[in-house]
Amino acid sequence: MSTSKLYLKTEKYLGEFVYGGIDGCVTTFAVVAGSVGANLDSSIIIILGFANLLADGFAMSIGAYLSSKTEKDNALKHAKTKNIQLEIDENFNPIAKGVVTYLSFLTIGIFPLLAYVIDFIQPISGNVFMCSSLATGVGFVIVGSLKSYINHKAIWKGITETLILGTLAALVSYYVGDWIEGLIS
C-alpha cells in the first residue's frame, strides 16, 4: 500500500481517534479528579479509573460502531426508496470505527492513571495528583497535535483547544467530587 493511500485510510478514522482519545483522557481524569476531590484512597482511584477506562471505552466503541452502521444502513434505505445508485466507500467499515475508538480511548485514556499505577508500584515523592494532571496534559497534547498535523492546521491551535477543553472538564469533575464529598461528610 502506498504512503498516500495509507495516509488517506488513516485520515478516515481521525475523527474516531480524536473522539476516543479525548473522551478517554477526559473521563478517566474526571474519575481521578472527582476521587481526589472526594478524598478517596489511591487504590480506589486505580480501581475506579480502570473500570471506567475499560467499560466506558468499550461502550463508546459500541456506540461508534452502531452509529456508523446506522448511518450506512440509512443511506442505503434512502437510496433504494428513491431508486438511485448510491456509491458507498468500500473502505467504510463500522467495525474499524469502533475498534479505532476503543484503542484510542485506552491508549490516551490511560495517561491520567499512570501516576497512580507508578505510585502504587514505586511510591512517588511528589504530589501524585499533580503528576496525573501533567500526564493528562500530555495525552491532550498528543491528540491535539495529531489532529492538527493531519488536518494541516497550526499545531499550537489544536493543542491549546484540546488543553483548554480538557482542563474545563477536569475542573468540573474535581469540584463536583469535592462538593459531593462535603455534602456527604
Protein backbone atom coordinates (compact mmCIF):
# COMPACT_ATOMS: atom_id res chain seq x y z
CA MET A 1 0.00 0.00 0.00
CA SER A 2 1.42 3.38 -0.96
CA THR A 3 2.05 6.05 1.67
CA SER A 4 -0.66 8.32 0.25
CA LYS A 5 -3.27 5.52 0.37
CA LEU A 6 -2.29 4.66 3.94
CA TYR A 7 -2.48 8.35 4.86
CA LEU A 8 -5.99 8.67 3.37
CA LYS A 9 -7.14 5.47 5.06
CA THR A 10 -5.73 6.69 8.40
CA GLU A 11 -7.26 10.12 7.88
CA LYS A 12 -10.68 8.49 7.50
CA TYR A 13 -10.54 7.35 11.14
CA LEU A 14 -9.04 10.54 12.59
CA GLY A 15 -12.41 11.62 13.94
CA GLU A 16 -12.78 8.37 15.85
CA PHE A 17 -9.22 8.64 17.18
CA VAL A 18 -9.73 12.21 18.40
CA TYR A 19 -13.16 11.42 19.82
CA GLY A 20 -11.99 8.27 21.60
CA GLY A 21 -8.71 9.76 22.81
CA ILE A 22 -10.19 12.96 24.18
CA ASP A 23 -13.10 11.20 25.82
CA GLY A 24 -10.83 8.53 27.27
CA CYS A 25 -8.48 11.12 28.73
CA VAL A 26 -11.26 13.40 29.99
CA THR A 27 -13.48 10.72 31.53
CA THR A 28 -10.61 8.86 33.16
CA PHE A 29 -9.22 12.11 34.52
CA ALA A 30 -12.74 13.02 35.67
CA VAL A 31 -12.75 9.82 37.74
CA VAL A 32 -9.30 10.66 39.12
CA ALA A 33 -10.10 14.34 39.82
CA GLY A 34 -13.51 13.57 41.29
CA SER A 35 -11.97 10.88 43.50
CA VAL A 36 -9.21 13.22 44.67
CA GLY A 37 -11.81 15.93 45.30
CA ALA A 38 -13.73 13.41 47.41
CA ASN A 39 -10.51 12.41 49.26
CA LEU A 40 -10.67 8.77 48.14
CA ASP A 41 -7.68 6.46 48.59
CA SER A 42 -5.27 5.88 45.68
CA SER A 43 -6.24 2.21 45.43
CA ILE A 44 -9.88 3.25 44.92
CA ILE A 45 -8.76 5.74 42.25
CA ILE A 46 -6.93 2.94 40.40
CA ILE A 47 -9.93 0.60 40.62
CA LEU A 48 -12.45 3.21 39.51
CA GLY A 49 -10.09 4.53 36.85
CA PHE A 50 -9.51 1.15 35.19
CA ALA A 51 -13.19 0.22 35.49
CA ASN A 52 -14.03 3.47 33.68
CA LEU A 53 -11.26 3.03 31.14
CA LEU A 54 -12.29 -0.47 30.07
CA ALA A 55 -16.07 -0.25 30.41
CA ASP A 56 -16.63 3.28 29.13
CA GLY A 57 -14.17 2.74 26.29
CA PHE A 58 -15.99 -0.43 25.28
CA ALA A 59 -19.36 1.32 25.47
CA MET A 60 -18.04 4.16 23.30
CA SER A 61 -16.68 1.71 20.73
CA ILE A 62 -20.08 0.00 20.57
CA GLY A 63 -21.69 3.42 20.14
CA ALA A 64 -19.26 4.35 17.34
CA TYR A 65 -19.94 1.04 15.59
CA LEU A 66 -23.73 1.26 15.90
CA SER A 67 -23.76 4.92 14.88
CA SER A 68 -21.68 4.25 11.76
CA LYS A 69 -23.70 1.18 10.87
CA THR A 70 -26.95 3.12 11.30
CA GLU A 71 -25.66 5.90 9.02
CA LYS A 72 -24.68 3.38 6.36
CA ASP A 73 -27.97 1.44 6.61
CA ASN A 74 -29.98 4.67 6.50
CA ALA A 75 -28.15 5.88 3.38
CA LEU A 76 -28.83 2.53 1.68
CA LYS A 77 -32.51 2.63 2.65
CA HIS A 78 -32.96 6.13 1.19
CA ALA A 79 -31.10 5.16 -1.96
CA LYS A 80 -33.39 2.16 -2.50
CA THR A 81 -36.52 4.22 -1.76
CA LYS A 82 -35.55 6.89 -4.28
CA ASN A 83 -34.28 4.33 -6.77
CA ILE A 84 -30.87 5.95 -7.02
CA GLN A 85 -27.43 4.46 -7.27
CA LEU A 86 -25.53 5.20 -4.10
CA GLU A 87 -21.79 4.94 -4.02
CA ILE A 88 -20.63 3.86 -0.63
CA ASP A 89 -16.97 3.97 0.12
CA GLU A 90 -15.79 0.35 0.09
CA ASN A 91 -13.36 1.14 2.89
CA PHE A 92 -16.19 2.40 5.13
CA ASN A 93 -16.13 -0.07 7.96
CA PRO A 94 -18.24 0.45 11.09
CA ILE A 95 -16.28 -2.25 12.94
CA ALA A 96 -13.00 -0.44 12.21
CA LYS A 97 -14.52 2.79 13.54
CA GLY A 98 -15.46 1.02 16.77
CA VAL A 99 -12.01 -0.55 17.11
CA VAL A 100 -10.21 2.76 16.50
CA THR A 101 -12.45 4.46 19.07
CA TYR A 102 -11.70 1.78 21.68
CA LEU A 103 -7.96 1.64 21.06
CA SER A 104 -7.70 5.42 21.16
CA PHE A 105 -9.80 5.56 24.33
CA LEU A 106 -7.49 3.05 26.02
CA THR A 107 -4.22 4.44 24.69
CA ILE A 108 -4.83 8.08 25.57
CA GLY A 109 -7.23 7.39 28.43
CA ILE A 110 -4.61 5.58 30.48
CA PHE A 111 -2.49 8.74 30.85
CA PRO A 112 -4.37 10.06 33.94
CA LEU A 113 -3.89 6.70 35.71
CA LEU A 114 -0.18 6.30 35.01
CA ALA A 115 0.94 8.36 38.01
CA TYR A 116 -1.26 6.31 40.37
CA VAL A 117 -0.09 3.00 38.94
CA ILE A 118 3.56 4.10 39.18
CA ASP A 119 2.94 5.36 42.73
CA PHE A 120 1.41 2.00 43.63
CA ILE A 121 4.48 0.13 42.32
CA GLN A 122 7.13 2.60 43.49
CA PRO A 123 5.89 5.50 45.63
CA ILE A 124 6.32 8.94 44.09
CA SER A 125 7.80 11.54 46.42
CA GLY A 126 5.78 14.40 44.91
CA ASN A 127 2.09 15.15 44.51
CA VAL A 128 0.58 12.19 42.65
CA PHE A 129 -2.46 14.18 41.53
CA MET A 130 -0.21 16.86 40.01
CA CYS A 131 1.74 14.13 38.17
CA SER A 132 -1.58 12.71 36.93
CA SER A 133 -2.66 16.18 35.80
CA LEU A 134 0.57 16.65 33.87
CA ALA A 135 0.27 13.19 32.28
CA THR A 136 -3.30 14.04 31.28
CA GLY A 137 -2.00 17.22 29.68
CA VAL A 138 0.49 15.12 27.69
CA GLY A 139 -2.40 12.98 26.45
CA PHE A 140 -4.26 16.10 25.32
CA VAL A 141 -1.14 17.43 23.60
CA ILE A 142 -0.71 14.16 21.68
CA VAL A 143 -4.30 14.18 20.43
CA GLY A 144 -4.31 17.92 19.69
CA SER A 145 -1.06 17.81 17.74
CA LEU A 146 -2.01 14.69 15.77
CA LYS A 147 -5.37 16.23 14.87
CA SER A 148 -3.69 19.45 13.75
CA TYR A 149 -0.94 17.65 11.84
CA ILE A 150 -3.33 15.55 9.80
CA ASN A 151 -5.67 18.50 9.17
CA HIS A 152 -2.76 20.80 8.25
CA LYS A 153 -3.70 23.32 10.94
CA ALA A 154 -1.43 25.17 13.31
CA ILE A 155 -0.36 22.62 15.91
CA TRP A 156 -0.42 25.18 18.72
CA LYS A 157 -4.13 25.83 17.99
CA GLY A 158 -5.05 22.15 18.21
CA ILE A 159 -3.05 21.69 21.40
CA THR A 160 -4.46 24.86 23.00
CA GLU A 161 -8.04 23.98 22.13
CA THR A 162 -7.66 20.45 23.47
CA LEU A 163 -5.91 21.58 26.67
CA ILE A 164 -8.50 24.27 27.44
CA LEU A 165 -11.49 22.00 26.92
CA GLY A 166 -9.85 19.14 28.81
CA THR A 167 -8.92 21.44 31.70
CA LEU A 168 -12.51 22.70 31.95
CA ALA A 169 -13.81 19.13 32.13
CA ALA A 170 -11.22 18.28 34.79
CA LEU A 171 -12.12 21.31 36.91
CA VAL A 172 -15.80 20.44 36.78
CA SER A 173 -15.17 16.86 37.90
CA TYR A 174 -12.77 17.87 40.70
CA TYR A 175 -15.13 20.44 42.17
CA VAL A 176 -18.17 18.19 41.82
CA GLY A 177 -16.30 15.44 43.72
CA ASP A 178 -15.23 17.94 46.38
CA TRP A 179 -18.76 19.38 46.67
CA ILE A 180 -20.46 15.98 46.92
CA GLU A 181 -17.89 14.75 49.46
CA GLY A 182 -18.69 17.86 51.52
CA LEU A 183 -22.42 17.13 51.35
CA ILE A 184 -21.97 13.51 52.39
CA SER A 185 -19.46 14.13 55.19
